[in-house]
Amino acid sequence: MYKFLAGLALSVVLSSAWANTELDRNIYSPERGIICDERAGFCVDSFGISMAFTQQYLGDEAQAAMMKKINRVGSRNFDTTRYILSNGVYCDSFQRACFISRFTDEKQVIFTNVLFK
């Protein structure tokens, strides 16, 4: 029983320590598995751009602005699984990885670990 309680306490401490981890200017992780980019105006999870997390962490206006961008090109033409954050980091949900930029194979390890590990 003691081991269980100690493990639970450690889990709570680690979860609360994770909250709002800053990854770069205007980019943070409100919880493991989610990255929000205030400058770009969206949040992502391991599946890609998330309207629900965008609304939850950046607000209704950010969600509406993102939906406007998607509707402008059409949902069939807007790929939410591949995106570039405002600092140039490129992520691909199918590859389950983030890269230093769109034009390199060099992984951005911290962002990859936040989203996909």
PDB file of N, CA and C in Angstrom:
ATOM      1  N   MET A   1       0.823  -1.192   0.000  1.00  0.00           N
ATOM      2  CA  MET A   1       0.000   0.000   0.000  1.00  0.00           C
ATOM      3  C   MET A   1       0.869   1.260   0.000  1.00  0.00           C
ATOM      4  N   TYR A   2       1.958   1.213   0.786  1.00  0.00           N
ATOM      5  CA  TYR A   2       2.852   2.367   0.874  1.00  0.00           C
ATOM      6  C   TYR A   2       3.470   2.673  -0.494  1.00  0.00           C
ATOM      7  N   LYS A   3       3.891   1.621  -1.227  1.00  0.00           N
ATOM      8  CA  LYS A   3       4.482   1.825  -2.553  1.00  0.00           C
ATOM      9  C   LYS A   3       3.479   2.468  -3.502  1.00  0.00           C
ATOM     10  N   PHE A   4       2.235   2.033  -3.425  1.00  0.00           N
ATOM     11  CA  PHE A   4       1.196   2.603  -4.277  1.00  0.00           C
ATOM     12  C   PHE A   4       1.026   4.080  -3.992  1.00  0.00           C
ATOM     13  N   LEU A   5       0.911   4.451  -2.709  1.00  0.00           N
ATOM     14  CA  LEU A   5       0.723   5.849  -2.333  1.00  0.00           C
ATOM     15  C   LEU A   5       1.932   6.696  -2.715  1.00  0.00           C
ATOM     16  N   ALA A   6       3.132   6.152  -2.541  1.00  0.00           N
ATOM     17  CA  ALA A   6       4.342   6.880  -2.915  1.00  0.00           C
ATOM     18  C   ALA A   6       4.373   7.096  -4.426  1.00  0.00           C
ATOM     19  N   GLY A   7       3.992   6.084  -5.192  1.00  0.00           N
ATOM     20  CA  GLY A   7       3.937   6.204  -6.646  1.00  0.00           C
ATOM     21  C   GLY A   7       2.893   7.214  -7.088  1.00  0.00           C
ATOM     22  N   LEU A   8       1.748   7.211  -6.426  1.00  0.00           N
ATOM     23  CA  LEU A   8       0.690   8.152  -6.730  1.00  0.00           C
ATOM     24  C   LEU A   8       1.140   9.573  -6.426  1.00  0.00           C
ATOM     25  N   ALA A   9       1.790   9.775  -5.312  1.00  0.00           N
ATOM     26  CA  ALA A   9       2.285  11.097  -4.932  1.00  0.00           C
ATOM     27  C   ALA A   9       3.314  11.591  -5.943  1.00  0.00           C
ATOM     28  N   LEU A  10       4.218  10.725  -6.378  1.00  0.00           N
ATOM     29  CA  LEU A  10       5.215  11.101  -7.362  1.00  0.00           C
ATOM     30  C   LEU A  10       4.549  11.468  -8.677  1.00  0.00           C
ATOM     31  N   SER A  11       3.527  10.719  -9.068  1.00  0.00           N
ATOM     32  CA  SER A  11       2.795  11.004 -10.292  1.00  0.00           C
ATOM     33  C   SER A  11       2.135  12.378 -10.237  1.00  0.00           C
ATOM     34  N   VAL A  12       1.542  12.714  -9.111  1.00  0.00           N
ATOM     35  CA  VAL A  12       0.889  14.017  -8.941  1.00  0.00           C
ATOM     36  C   VAL A  12       1.930  15.130  -9.011  1.00  0.00           C
ATOM     37  N   VAL A  13       3.064  14.934  -8.355  1.00  0.00           N
ATOM     38  CA  VAL A  13       4.126  15.939  -8.378  1.00  0.00           C
ATOM     39  C   VAL A  13       4.634  16.148  -9.800  1.00  0.00           C
ATOM     40  N   LEU A  14       4.891  15.076 -10.533  1.00  0.00           N
ATOM     41  CA  LEU A  14       5.380  15.199 -11.900  1.00  0.00           C
ATOM     42  C   LEU A  14       4.352  15.855 -12.808  1.00  0.00           C
ATOM     43  N   SER A  15       3.080  15.528 -12.630  1.00  0.00           N
ATOM     44  CA  SER A  15       2.032  16.128 -13.450  1.00  0.00           C
ATOM     45  C   SER A  15       1.932  17.621 -13.197  1.00  0.00           C
ATOM     46  N   SER A  16       1.979  18.025 -11.931  1.00  0.00           N
ATOM     47  CA  SER A  16       1.876  19.443 -11.633  1.00  0.00           C
ATOM     48  C   SER A  16       3.135  20.175 -12.043  1.00  0.00           C
ATOM     49  N   ALA A  17       4.282  19.507 -12.012  1.00  0.00           N
ATOM     50  CA  ALA A  17       5.530  20.126 -12.448  1.00  0.00           C
ATOM     51  C   ALA A  17       5.515  20.354 -13.955  1.00  0.00           C
ATOM     52  N   TRP A  18       4.778  19.549 -14.677  1.00  0.00           N
ATOM     53  CA  TRP A  18       4.724  19.657 -16.129  1.00  0.00           C
ATOM     54  C   TRP A  18       3.907  20.858 -16.580  1.00  0.00           C
ATOM     55  N   ALA A  19       2.917  21.243 -15.813  1.00  0.00           N
ATOM     56  CA  ALA A  19       1.956  22.265 -16.231  1.00  0.00           C
ATOM     57  C   ALA A  19       2.649  23.517 -16.744  1.00  0.00           C
ATOM     58  N   ASN A  20       2.227  23.955 -17.931  1.00  0.00           N
ATOM     59  CA  ASN A  20       2.705  25.183 -18.554  1.00  0.00           C
ATOM     60  C   ASN A  20       4.218  25.236 -18.730  1.00  0.00           C
ATOM     61  N   THR A  21       4.794  24.167 -19.209  1.00  0.00           N
ATOM     62  CA  THR A  21       6.224  24.132 -19.491  1.00  0.00           C
ATOM     63  C   THR A  21       6.504  24.947 -20.752  1.00  0.00           C
ATOM     64  N   GLU A  22       7.332  25.980 -20.629  1.00  0.00           N
ATOM     65  CA  GLU A  22       7.682  26.811 -21.775  1.00  0.00           C
ATOM     66  C   GLU A  22       8.717  26.086 -22.624  1.00  0.00           C
ATOM     67  N   LEU A  23       8.440  25.989 -23.925  1.00  0.00           N
ATOM     68  CA  LEU A  23       9.338  25.306 -24.846  1.00  0.00           C
ATOM     69  C   LEU A  23      10.135  26.291 -25.699  1.00  0.00           C
ATOM     70  N   ASP A  24       9.562  27.434 -25.957  1.00  0.00           N
ATOM     71  CA  ASP A  24      10.178  28.474 -26.770  1.00  0.00           C
ATOM     72  C   ASP A  24       9.318  29.714 -26.590  1.00  0.00           C
ATOM     73  N   ARG A  25       9.757  30.818 -27.147  1.00  0.00           N
ATOM     74  CA  ARG A  25       8.966  32.034 -27.032  1.00  0.00           C
ATOM     75  C   ARG A  25       7.586  31.794 -27.660  1.00  0.00           C
ATOM     76  N   ASN A  26       6.529  32.037 -26.916  1.00  0.00           N
ATOM     77  CA  ASN A  26       5.137  31.871 -27.362  1.00  0.00           C
ATOM     78  C   ASN A  26       4.698  30.417 -27.525  1.00  0.00           C
ATOM     79  N   ILE A  27       5.543  29.463 -27.179  1.00  0.00           N
ATOM     80  CA  ILE A  27       5.199  28.045 -27.326  1.00  0.00           C
ATOM     81  C   ILE A  27       5.363  27.372 -25.972  1.00  0.00           C
ATOM     82  N   TYR A  28       4.304  26.674 -25.543  1.00  0.00           N
ATOM     83  CA  TYR A  28       4.359  26.009 -24.244  1.00  0.00           C
ATOM     84  C   TYR A  28       3.566  24.707 -24.280  1.00  0.00           C
ATOM     85  N   SER A  29       3.805  23.900 -23.284  1.00  0.00           N
ATOM     86  CA  SER A  29       3.070  22.649 -23.138  1.00  0.00           C
ATOM     87  C   SER A  29       2.258  22.717 -21.846  1.00  0.00           C
ATOM     88  N   PRO A  30       0.930  22.850 -21.964  1.00  0.00           N
ATOM     89  CA  PRO A  30       0.099  22.916 -20.764  1.00  0.00           C
ATOM     90  C   PRO A  30       0.025  21.587 -20.021  1.00  0.00           C
ATOM     91  N   GLU A  31       0.265  20.497 -20.751  1.00  0.00           N
ATOM     92  CA  GLU A  31       0.331  19.160 -20.164  1.00  0.00           C
ATOM     93  C   GLU A  31       1.027  18.247 -21.163  1.00  0.00           C
ATOM     94  N   ARG A  32       1.581  17.162 -20.665  1.00  0.00           N
ATOM     95  CA  ARG A  32       2.310  16.240 -21.540  1.00  0.00           C
ATOM     96  C   ARG A  32       1.393  15.797 -22.682  1.00  0.00           C
ATOM     97  N   GLY A  33       1.950  15.807 -23.897  1.00  0.00           N
ATOM     98  CA  GLY A  33       1.180  15.386 -25.065  1.00  0.00           C
ATOM     99  C   GLY A  33       0.500  16.520 -25.804  1.00  0.00           C
ATOM    100  N   ILE A  34       0.641  17.760 -25.299  1.00  0.00           N
ATOM    101  CA  ILE A  34      -0.001  18.914 -25.927  1.00  0.00           C
ATOM    102  C   ILE A  34       1.016  20.050 -26.019  1.00  0.00           C
ATOM    103  N   ILE A  35       1.051  20.695 -27.168  1.00  0.00           N
ATOM    104  CA  ILE A  35       1.861  21.900 -27.349  1.00  0.00           C
ATOM    105  C   ILE A  35       0.942  22.993 -27.891  1.00  0.00           C
ATOM    106  N   CYS A  36       1.037  24.182 -27.313  1.00  0.00           N
ATOM    107  CA  CYS A  36       0.270  25.333 -27.785  1.00  0.00           C
ATOM    108  C   CYS A  36       1.228  26.412 -28.268  1.00  0.00           C
ATOM    109  N   ASP A  37       0.890  26.985 -29.402  1.00  0.00           N
ATOM    110  CA  ASP A  37       1.688  28.046 -29.995  1.00  0.00           C
ATOM    111  C   ASP A  37       0.805  29.286 -30.049  1.00  0.00           C
ATOM    112  N   GLU A  38       1.033  30.204 -29.121  1.00  0.00           N
ATOM    113  CA  GLU A  38       0.196  31.401 -29.043  1.00  0.00           C
ATOM    114  C   GLU A  38       0.342  32.278 -30.281  1.00  0.00           C
ATOM    115  N   ARG A  39       1.535  32.366 -30.816  1.00  0.00           N
ATOM    116  CA  ARG A  39       1.762  33.204 -31.997  1.00  0.00           C
ATOM    117  C   ARG A  39       1.089  32.620 -33.240  1.00  0.00           C
ATOM    118  N   ALA A  40       1.213  31.312 -33.446  1.00  0.00           N
ATOM    119  CA  ALA A  40       0.572  30.661 -34.594  1.00  0.00           C
ATOM    120  C   ALA A  40      -0.933  30.527 -34.391  1.00  0.00           C
ATOM    121  N   GLY A  41      -1.363  30.486 -33.134  1.00  0.00           N
ATOM    122  CA  GLY A  41      -2.796  30.459 -32.842  1.00  0.00           C
ATOM    123  C   GLY A  41      -3.431  29.087 -32.830  1.00  0.00           C
ATOM    124  N   PHE A  42      -2.652  28.060 -32.475  1.00  0.00           N
ATOM    125  CA  PHE A  42      -3.241  26.725 -32.384  1.00  0.00           C
ATOM    126  C   PHE A  42      -2.499  25.870 -31.371  1.00  0.00           C
ATOM    127  N   CYS A  43      -3.185  24.796 -30.950  1.00  0.00           N
ATOM    128  CA  CYS A  43      -2.593  23.776 -30.086  1.00  0.00           C
ATOM    129  C   CYS A  43      -2.615  22.456 -30.836  1.00  0.00           C
ATOM    130  N   VAL A  44      -1.665  21.595 -30.494  1.00  0.00           N
ATOM    131  CA  VAL A  44      -1.560  20.297 -31.151  1.00  0.00           C
ATOM    132  C   VAL A  44      -1.428  19.194 -30.114  1.00  0.00           C
ATOM    133  N   ASP A  45      -1.802  17.994 -30.539  1.00  0.00           N
ATOM    134  CA  ASP A  45      -1.528  16.788 -29.762  1.00  0.00           C
ATOM    135  C   ASP A  45      -0.880  15.792 -30.718  1.00  0.00           C
ATOM    136  N   SER A  46      -0.774  14.555 -30.332  1.00  0.00           N
ATOM    137  CA  SER A  46      -0.074  13.579 -31.170  1.00  0.00           C
ATOM    138  C   SER A  46      -0.785  13.300 -32.499  1.00  0.00           C
ATOM    139  N   PHE A  47      -2.031  13.715 -32.628  1.00  0.00           N
ATOM    140  CA  PHE A  47      -2.777  13.508 -33.870  1.00  0.00           C
ATOM    141  C   PHE A  47      -2.681  14.703 -34.810  1.00  0.00           C
ATOM    142  N   GLY A  48      -2.230  15.849 -34.298  1.00  0.00           N
ATOM    143  CA  GLY A  48      -2.115  17.050 -35.126  1.00  0.00           C
ATOM    144  C   GLY A  48      -2.786  18.236 -34.465  1.00  0.00           C
ATOM    145  N   ILE A  49      -3.154  19.219 -35.288  1.00  0.00           N
ATOM    146  CA  ILE A  49      -3.807  20.426 -34.774  1.00  0.00           C
ATOM    147  C   ILE A  49      -5.144  20.030 -34.163  1.00  0.00           C
ATOM    148  N   SER A  50      -5.372  20.498 -32.945  1.00  0.00           N
ATOM    149  CA  SER A  50      -6.583  20.141 -32.208  1.00  0.00           C
ATOM    150  C   SER A  50      -7.438  21.379 -31.963  1.00  0.00           C
ATOM    151  N   MET A  51      -8.632  21.368 -32.517  1.00  0.00           N
ATOM    152  CA  MET A  51      -9.554  22.475 -32.283  1.00  0.00           C
ATOM    153  C   MET A  51      -9.983  22.533 -30.813  1.00  0.00           C
ATOM    154  N   ALA A  52     -10.183  21.365 -30.221  1.00  0.00           N
ATOM    155  CA  ALA A  52     -10.617  21.321 -28.813  1.00  0.00           C
ATOM    156  C   ALA A  52      -9.557  21.902 -27.886  1.00  0.00           C
ATOM    157  N   PHE A  53      -8.294  21.502 -28.065  1.00  0.00           N
ATOM    158  CA  PHE A  53      -7.229  22.037 -27.210  1.00  0.00           C
ATOM    159  C   PHE A  53      -6.949  23.501 -27.541  1.00  0.00           C
ATOM    160  N   THR A  54      -7.089  23.876 -28.797  1.00  0.00           N
ATOM    161  CA  THR A  54      -6.928  25.286 -29.161  1.00  0.00           C
ATOM    162  C   THR A  54      -7.941  26.124 -28.400  1.00  0.00           C
ATOM    163  N   GLN A  55      -9.176  25.680 -28.381  1.00  0.00           N
ATOM    164  CA  GLN A  55     -10.215  26.410 -27.658  1.00  0.00           C
ATOM    165  C   GLN A  55      -9.944  26.403 -26.152  1.00  0.00           C
ATOM    166  N   GLN A  56      -9.593  25.246 -25.621  1.00  0.00           N
ATOM    167  CA  GLN A  56      -9.377  25.114 -24.177  1.00  0.00           C
ATOM    168  C   GLN A  56      -8.233  25.994 -23.679  1.00  0.00           C
ATOM    169  N   TYR A  57      -7.118  26.012 -24.396  1.00  0.00           N
ATOM    170  CA  TYR A  57      -5.927  26.699 -23.891  1.00  0.00           C
ATOM    171  C   TYR A  57      -5.695  28.088 -24.485  1.00  0.00           C
ATOM    172  N   LEU A  58      -6.210  28.351 -25.696  1.00  0.00           N
ATOM    173  CA  LEU A  58      -5.991  29.655 -26.308  1.00  0.00           C
ATOM    174  C   LEU A  58      -7.273  30.475 -26.437  1.00  0.00           C
ATOM    175  N   GLY A  59      -8.433  29.832 -26.258  1.00  0.00           N
ATOM    176  CA  GLY A  59      -9.685  30.563 -26.238  1.00  0.00           C
ATOM    177  C   GLY A  59     -10.519  30.431 -27.505  1.00  0.00           C
ATOM    178  N   ASP A  60     -11.744  30.929 -27.395  1.00  0.00           N
ATOM    179  CA  ASP A  60     -12.710  30.853 -28.495  1.00  0.00           C
ATOM    180  C   ASP A  60     -12.241  31.604 -29.735  1.00  0.00           C
ATOM    181  N   GLU A  61     -11.611  32.779 -29.541  1.00  0.00           N
ATOM    182  CA  GLU A  61     -11.162  33.569 -30.683  1.00  0.00           C
ATOM    183  C   GLU A  61     -10.088  32.839 -31.482  1.00  0.00           C
ATOM    184  N   ALA A  62      -9.167  32.193 -30.792  1.00  0.00           N
ATOM    185  CA  ALA A  62      -8.113  31.433 -31.479  1.00  0.00           C
ATOM    186  C   ALA A  62      -8.720  30.274 -32.256  1.00  0.00           C
ATOM    187  N   GLN A  63      -9.679  29.592 -31.651  1.00  0.00           N
ATOM    188  CA  GLN A  63     -10.326  28.482 -32.352  1.00  0.00           C
ATOM    189  C   GLN A  63     -11.069  28.990 -33.590  1.00  0.00           C
ATOM    190  N   ALA A  64     -11.788  30.093 -33.445  1.00  0.00           N
ATOM    191  CA  ALA A  64     -12.530  30.652 -34.581  1.00  0.00           C
ATOM    192  C   ALA A  64     -11.579  31.093 -35.698  1.00  0.00           C
ATOM    193  N   ALA A  65     -10.452  31.692 -35.339  1.00  0.00           N
ATOM    194  CA  ALA A  65      -9.470  32.120 -36.343  1.00  0.00           C
ATOM    195  C   ALA A  65      -8.881  30.922 -37.076  1.00  0.00           C
ATOM    196  N   MET A  66      -8.609  29.842 -36.337  1.00  0.00           N
ATOM    197  CA  MET A  66      -8.059  28.638 -36.966  1.00  0.00           C
ATOM    198  C   MET A  66      -9.104  28.008 -37.898  1.00  0.00           C
ATOM    199  N   MET A  67     -10.335  27.959 -37.467  1.00  0.00           N
ATOM    200  CA  MET A  67     -11.403  27.414 -38.317  1.00  0.00           C
ATOM    201  C   MET A  67     -11.569  28.254 -39.584  1.00  0.00           C
ATOM    202  N   LYS A  68     -11.395  29.566 -39.455  1.00  0.00           N
ATOM    203  CA  LYS A  68     -11.487  30.446 -40.622  1.00  0.00           C
ATOM    204  C   LYS A  68     -10.384  30.109 -41.628  1.00  0.00           C
ATOM    205  N   LYS A  69      -9.168  29.860 -41.137  1.00  0.00           N
ATOM    206  CA  LYS A  69      -8.057  29.474 -42.021  1.00  0.00           C
ATOM    207  C   LYS A  69      -8.353  28.149 -42.710  1.00  0.00           C
ATOM    208  N   ILE A  70      -8.867  27.202 -41.950  1.00  0.00           N
ATOM    209  CA  ILE A  70      -9.184  25.888 -42.515  1.00  0.00           C
ATOM    210  C   ILE A  70     -10.278  26.014 -43.575  1.00  0.00           C
ATOM    211  N   ASN A  71     -11.320  26.784 -43.262  1.00  0.00           N
ATOM    212  CA  ASN A  71     -12.434  26.947 -44.199  1.00  0.00           C
ATOM    213  C   ASN A  71     -12.028  27.706 -45.461  1.00  0.00           C
ATOM    214  N   ARG A  72     -11.040  28.587 -45.325  1.00  0.00           N
ATOM    215  CA  ARG A  72     -10.576  29.365 -46.471  1.00  0.00           C
ATOM    216  C   ARG A  72     -10.031  28.454 -47.572  1.00  0.00           C
ATOM    217  N   VAL A  73      -9.292  27.419 -47.186  1.00  0.00           N
ATOM    218  CA  VAL A  73      -8.728  26.497 -48.189  1.00  0.00           C
ATOM    219  C   VAL A  73      -9.568  25.233 -48.345  1.00  0.00           C
ATOM    220  N   GLY A  74     -10.480  25.023 -47.433  1.00  0.00           N
ATOM    221  CA  GLY A  74     -11.323  23.830 -47.450  1.00  0.00           C
ATOM    222  C   GLY A  74     -10.723  22.742 -46.584  1.00  0.00           C
ATOM    223  N   SER A  75     -11.553  22.075 -45.820  1.00  0.00           N
ATOM    224  CA  SER A  75     -11.059  21.068 -44.871  1.00  0.00           C
ATOM    225  C   SER A  75     -10.355  19.909 -45.574  1.00  0.00           C
ATOM    226  N   ARG A  76     -10.733  19.618 -46.814  1.00  0.00           N
ATOM    227  CA  ARG A  76     -10.062  18.539 -47.555  1.00  0.00           C
ATOM    228  C   ARG A  76      -8.630  18.908 -47.933  1.00  0.00           C
ATOM    229  N   ASN A  77      -8.367  20.211 -48.057  1.00  0.00           N
ATOM    230  CA  ASN A  77      -7.053  20.686 -48.480  1.00  0.00           C
ATOM    231  C   ASN A  77      -6.167  21.130 -47.319  1.00  0.00           C
ATOM    232  N   PHE A  78      -6.705  21.127 -46.129  1.00  0.00           N
ATOM    233  CA  PHE A  78      -5.947  21.582 -44.960  1.00  0.00           C
ATOM    234  C   PHE A  78      -5.492  20.362 -44.173  1.00  0.00           C
ATOM    235  N   ASP A  79      -4.206  20.126 -44.130  1.00  0.00           N
ATOM    236  CA  ASP A  79      -3.645  18.950 -43.452  1.00  0.00           C
ATOM    237  C   ASP A  79      -3.320  19.308 -41.998  1.00  0.00           C
ATOM    238  N   THR A  80      -4.121  18.828 -41.094  1.00  0.00           N
ATOM    239  CA  THR A  80      -3.898  19.126 -39.671  1.00  0.00           C
ATOM    240  C   THR A  80      -2.842  18.218 -39.047  1.00  0.00           C
ATOM    241  N   THR A  81      -2.355  17.234 -39.793  1.00  0.00           N
ATOM    242  CA  THR A  81      -1.382  16.282 -39.240  1.00  0.00           C
ATOM    243  C   THR A  81       0.065  16.716 -39.445  1.00  0.00           C
ATOM    244  N   ARG A  82       0.283  17.709 -40.300  1.00  0.00           N
ATOM    245  CA  ARG A  82       1.622  18.242 -40.564  1.00  0.00           C
ATOM    246  C   ARG A  82       1.545  19.753 -40.410  1.00  0.00           C
ATOM    247  N   TYR A  83       2.428  20.325 -39.627  1.00  0.00           N
ATOM    248  CA  TYR A  83       2.340  21.753 -39.338  1.00  0.00           C
ATOM    249  C   TYR A  83       3.705  22.297 -38.940  1.00  0.00           C
ATOM    250  N   ILE A  84       3.841  23.617 -39.062  1.00  0.00           N
ATOM    251  CA  ILE A  84       5.057  24.309 -38.657  1.00  0.00           C
ATOM    252  C   ILE A  84       4.685  25.273 -37.538  1.00  0.00           C
ATOM    253  N   LEU A  85       5.407  25.182 -36.448  1.00  0.00           N
ATOM    254  CA  LEU A  85       5.199  26.082 -35.319  1.00  0.00           C
ATOM    255  C   LEU A  85       5.880  27.423 -35.611  1.00  0.00           C
ATOM    256  N   SER A  86       5.560  28.441 -34.836  1.00  0.00           N
ATOM    257  CA  SER A  86       6.067  29.787 -35.108  1.00  0.00           C
ATOM    258  C   SER A  86       7.583  29.904 -34.979  1.00  0.00           C
ATOM    259  N   ASN A  87       8.232  28.954 -34.344  1.00  0.00           N
ATOM    260  CA  ASN A  87       9.698  28.976 -34.245  1.00  0.00           C
ATOM    261  C   ASN A  87      10.364  28.180 -35.369  1.00  0.00           C
ATOM    262  N   GLY A  88       9.561  27.688 -36.321  1.00  0.00           N
ATOM    263  CA  GLY A  88      10.103  26.957 -37.464  1.00  0.00           C
ATOM    264  C   GLY A  88      10.140  25.448 -37.298  1.00  0.00           C
ATOM    265  N   VAL A  89       9.852  24.946 -36.104  1.00  0.00           N
ATOM    266  CA  VAL A  89       9.837  23.500 -35.876  1.00  0.00           C
ATOM    267  C   VAL A  89       8.682  22.892 -36.678  1.00  0.00           C
ATOM    268  N   TYR A  90       9.001  21.827 -37.415  1.00  0.00           N
ATOM    269  CA  TYR A  90       8.028  21.125 -38.250  1.00  0.00           C
ATOM    270  C   TYR A  90       7.694  19.792 -37.594  1.00  0.00           C
ATOM    271  N   CYS A  91       6.416  19.487 -37.466  1.00  0.00           N
ATOM    272  CA  CYS A  91       5.992  18.212 -36.875  1.00  0.00           C
ATOM    273  C   CYS A  91       5.107  17.454 -37.852  1.00  0.00           C
ATOM    274  N   ASP A  92       5.251  16.137 -37.808  1.00  0.00           N
ATOM    275  CA  ASP A  92       4.487  15.248 -38.680  1.00  0.00           C
ATOM    276  C   ASP A  92       3.909  14.136 -37.808  1.00  0.00           C
ATOM    277  N   SER A  93       2.612  14.146 -37.655  1.00  0.00           N
ATOM    278  CA  SER A  93       1.953  13.175 -36.776  1.00  0.00           C
ATOM    279  C   SER A  93       2.086  11.743 -37.274  1.00  0.00           C
ATOM    280  N   PHE A  94       2.141  11.544 -38.591  1.00  0.00           N
ATOM    281  CA  PHE A  94       2.297  10.190 -39.117  1.00  0.00           C
ATOM    282  C   PHE A  94       3.681   9.630 -38.813  1.00  0.00           C
ATOM    283  N   GLN A  95       4.693  10.493 -38.870  1.00  0.00           N
ATOM    284  CA  GLN A  95       6.054  10.065 -38.532  1.00  0.00           C
ATOM    285  C   GLN A  95       6.278  10.059 -37.017  1.00  0.00           C
ATOM    286  N   ARG A  96       5.336  10.630 -36.287  1.00  0.00           N
ATOM    287  CA  ARG A  96       5.428  10.754 -34.824  1.00  0.00           C
ATOM    288  C   ARG A  96       6.746  11.403 -34.419  1.00  0.00           C
ATOM    289  N   ALA A  97       7.031  12.544 -35.097  1.00  0.00           N
ATOM    290  CA  ALA A  97       8.279  13.245 -34.837  1.00  0.00           C
ATOM    291  C   ALA A  97       8.162  14.718 -35.214  1.00  0.00           C
ATOM    292  N   CYS A  98       9.006  15.520 -34.562  1.00  0.00           N
ATOM    293  CA  CYS A  98       9.178  16.924 -34.915  1.00  0.00           C
ATOM    294  C   CYS A  98      10.618  17.104 -35.368  1.00  0.00           C
ATOM    295  N   PHE A  99      10.817  18.063 -36.266  1.00  0.00           N
ATOM    296  CA  PHE A  99      12.123  18.285 -36.861  1.00  0.00           C
ATOM    297  C   PHE A  99      12.524  19.745 -36.703  1.00  0.00           C
ATOM    298  N   ILE A 100      13.814  19.999 -36.760  1.00  0.00           N
ATOM    299  CA  ILE A 100      14.342  21.360 -36.613  1.00  0.00           C
ATOM    300  C   ILE A 100      13.672  22.308 -37.606  1.00  0.00           C
ATOM    301  N   SER A 101      13.429  21.831 -38.830  1.00  0.00           N
ATOM    302  CA  SER A 101      12.711  22.606 -39.839  1.00  0.00           C
ATOM    303  C   SER A 101      12.071  21.639 -40.836  1.00  0.00           C
ATOM    304  N   ARG A 102      11.305  22.182 -41.735  1.00  0.00           N
ATOM    305  CA  ARG A 102      10.620  21.385 -42.758  1.00  0.00           C
ATOM    306  C   ARG A 102      11.607  20.732 -43.726  1.00  0.00           C
ATOM    307  N   PHE A 103      12.804  21.308 -43.810  1.00  0.00           N
ATOM    308  CA  PHE A 103      13.753  20.876 -44.832  1.00  0.00           C
ATOM    309  C   PHE A 103      14.942  20.105 -44.276  1.00  0.00           C
ATOM    310  N   THR A 104      14.759  19.473 -43.119  1.00  0.00           N
ATOM    311  CA  THR A 104      15.833  18.680 -42.534  1.00  0.00           C
ATOM    312  C   THR A 104      15.267  17.407 -41.920  1.00  0.00           C
ATOM    313  N   ASP A 105      16.103  16.413 -41.800  1.00  0.00           N
ATOM    314  CA  ASP A 105      15.720  15.172 -41.127  1.00  0.00           C
ATOM    315  C   ASP A 105      16.158  15.177 -39.671  1.00  0.00           C
ATOM    316  N   GLU A 106      16.788  16.275 -39.235  1.00  0.00           N
ATOM    317  CA  GLU A 106      17.266  16.354 -37.854  1.00  0.00           C
ATOM    318  C   GLU A 106      16.083  16.571 -36.907  1.00  0.00           C
ATOM    319  N   LYS A 107      15.901  15.620 -36.008  1.00  0.00           N
ATOM    320  CA  LYS A 107      14.771  15.694 -35.083  1.00  0.00           C
ATOM    321  C   LYS A 107      14.950  16.795 -34.047  1.00  0.00           C
ATOM    322  N   GLN A 108      13.828  17.396 -33.693  1.00  0.00           N
ATOM    323  CA  GLN A 108      13.777  18.327 -32.578  1.00  0.00           C
ATOM    324  C   GLN A 108      13.311  17.461 -31.410  1.00  0.00           C
ATOM    325  N   VAL A 109      14.242  16.998 -30.627  1.00  0.00           N
ATOM    326  CA  VAL A 109      14.004  15.959 -29.632  1.00  0.00           C
ATOM    327  C   VAL A 109      13.013  16.390 -28.554  1.00  0.00           C
ATOM    328  N   ILE A 110      13.141  17.591 -28.037  1.00  0.00           N
ATOM    329  CA  ILE A 110      12.267  18.025 -26.938  1.00  0.00           C
ATOM    330  C   ILE A 110      10.807  18.045 -27.382  1.00  0.00           C
ATOM    331  N   PHE A 111      10.525  18.652 -28.530  1.00  0.00           N
ATOM    332  CA  PHE A 111       9.148  18.728 -29.022  1.00  0.00           C
ATOM    333  C   PHE A 111       8.621  17.318 -29.336  1.00  0.00           C
ATOM    334  N   THR A 112       9.457  16.489 -29.944  1.00  0.00           N
ATOM    335  CA  THR A 112       9.064  15.103 -30.234  1.00  0.00           C
ATOM    336  C   THR A 112       8.691  14.378 -28.961  1.00  0.00           C
ATOM    337  N   ASN A 113       9.499  14.511 -27.935  1.00  0.00           N
ATOM    338  CA  ASN A 113       9.226  13.827 -26.668  1.00  0.00           C
ATOM    339  C   ASN A 113       7.951  14.338 -26.011  1.00  0.00           C
ATOM    340  N   VAL A 114       7.706  15.625 -26.056  1.00  0.00           N
ATOM    341  CA  VAL A 114       6.486  16.192 -25.457  1.00  0.00           C
ATOM    342  C   VAL A 114       5.251  15.609 -26.123  1.00  0.00           C
ATOM    343  N   LEU A 115       5.259  15.556 -27.450  1.00  0.00           N
ATOM    344  CA  LEU A 115       4.062  15.125 -28.181  1.00  0.00           C
ATOM    345  C   LEU A 115       3.912  13.604 -28.312  1.00  0.00           C
ATOM    346  N   PHE A 116       4.998  12.897 -28.510  1.00  0.00           N
ATOM    347  CA  PHE A 116       4.883  11.517 -28.946  1.00  0.00           C
ATOM    348  C   PHE A 116       5.441  10.469 -27.988  1.00  0.00           C
ATOM    349  N   LYS A 117       6.047  10.844 -26.897  1.00  0.00           N
ATOM    350  CA  LYS A 117       6.619   9.851 -25.974  1.00  0.00           C
ATOM    351  C   LYS A 117       5.770   9.689 -24.753  1.00  0.00           C
TER     352      LYS A 117
END
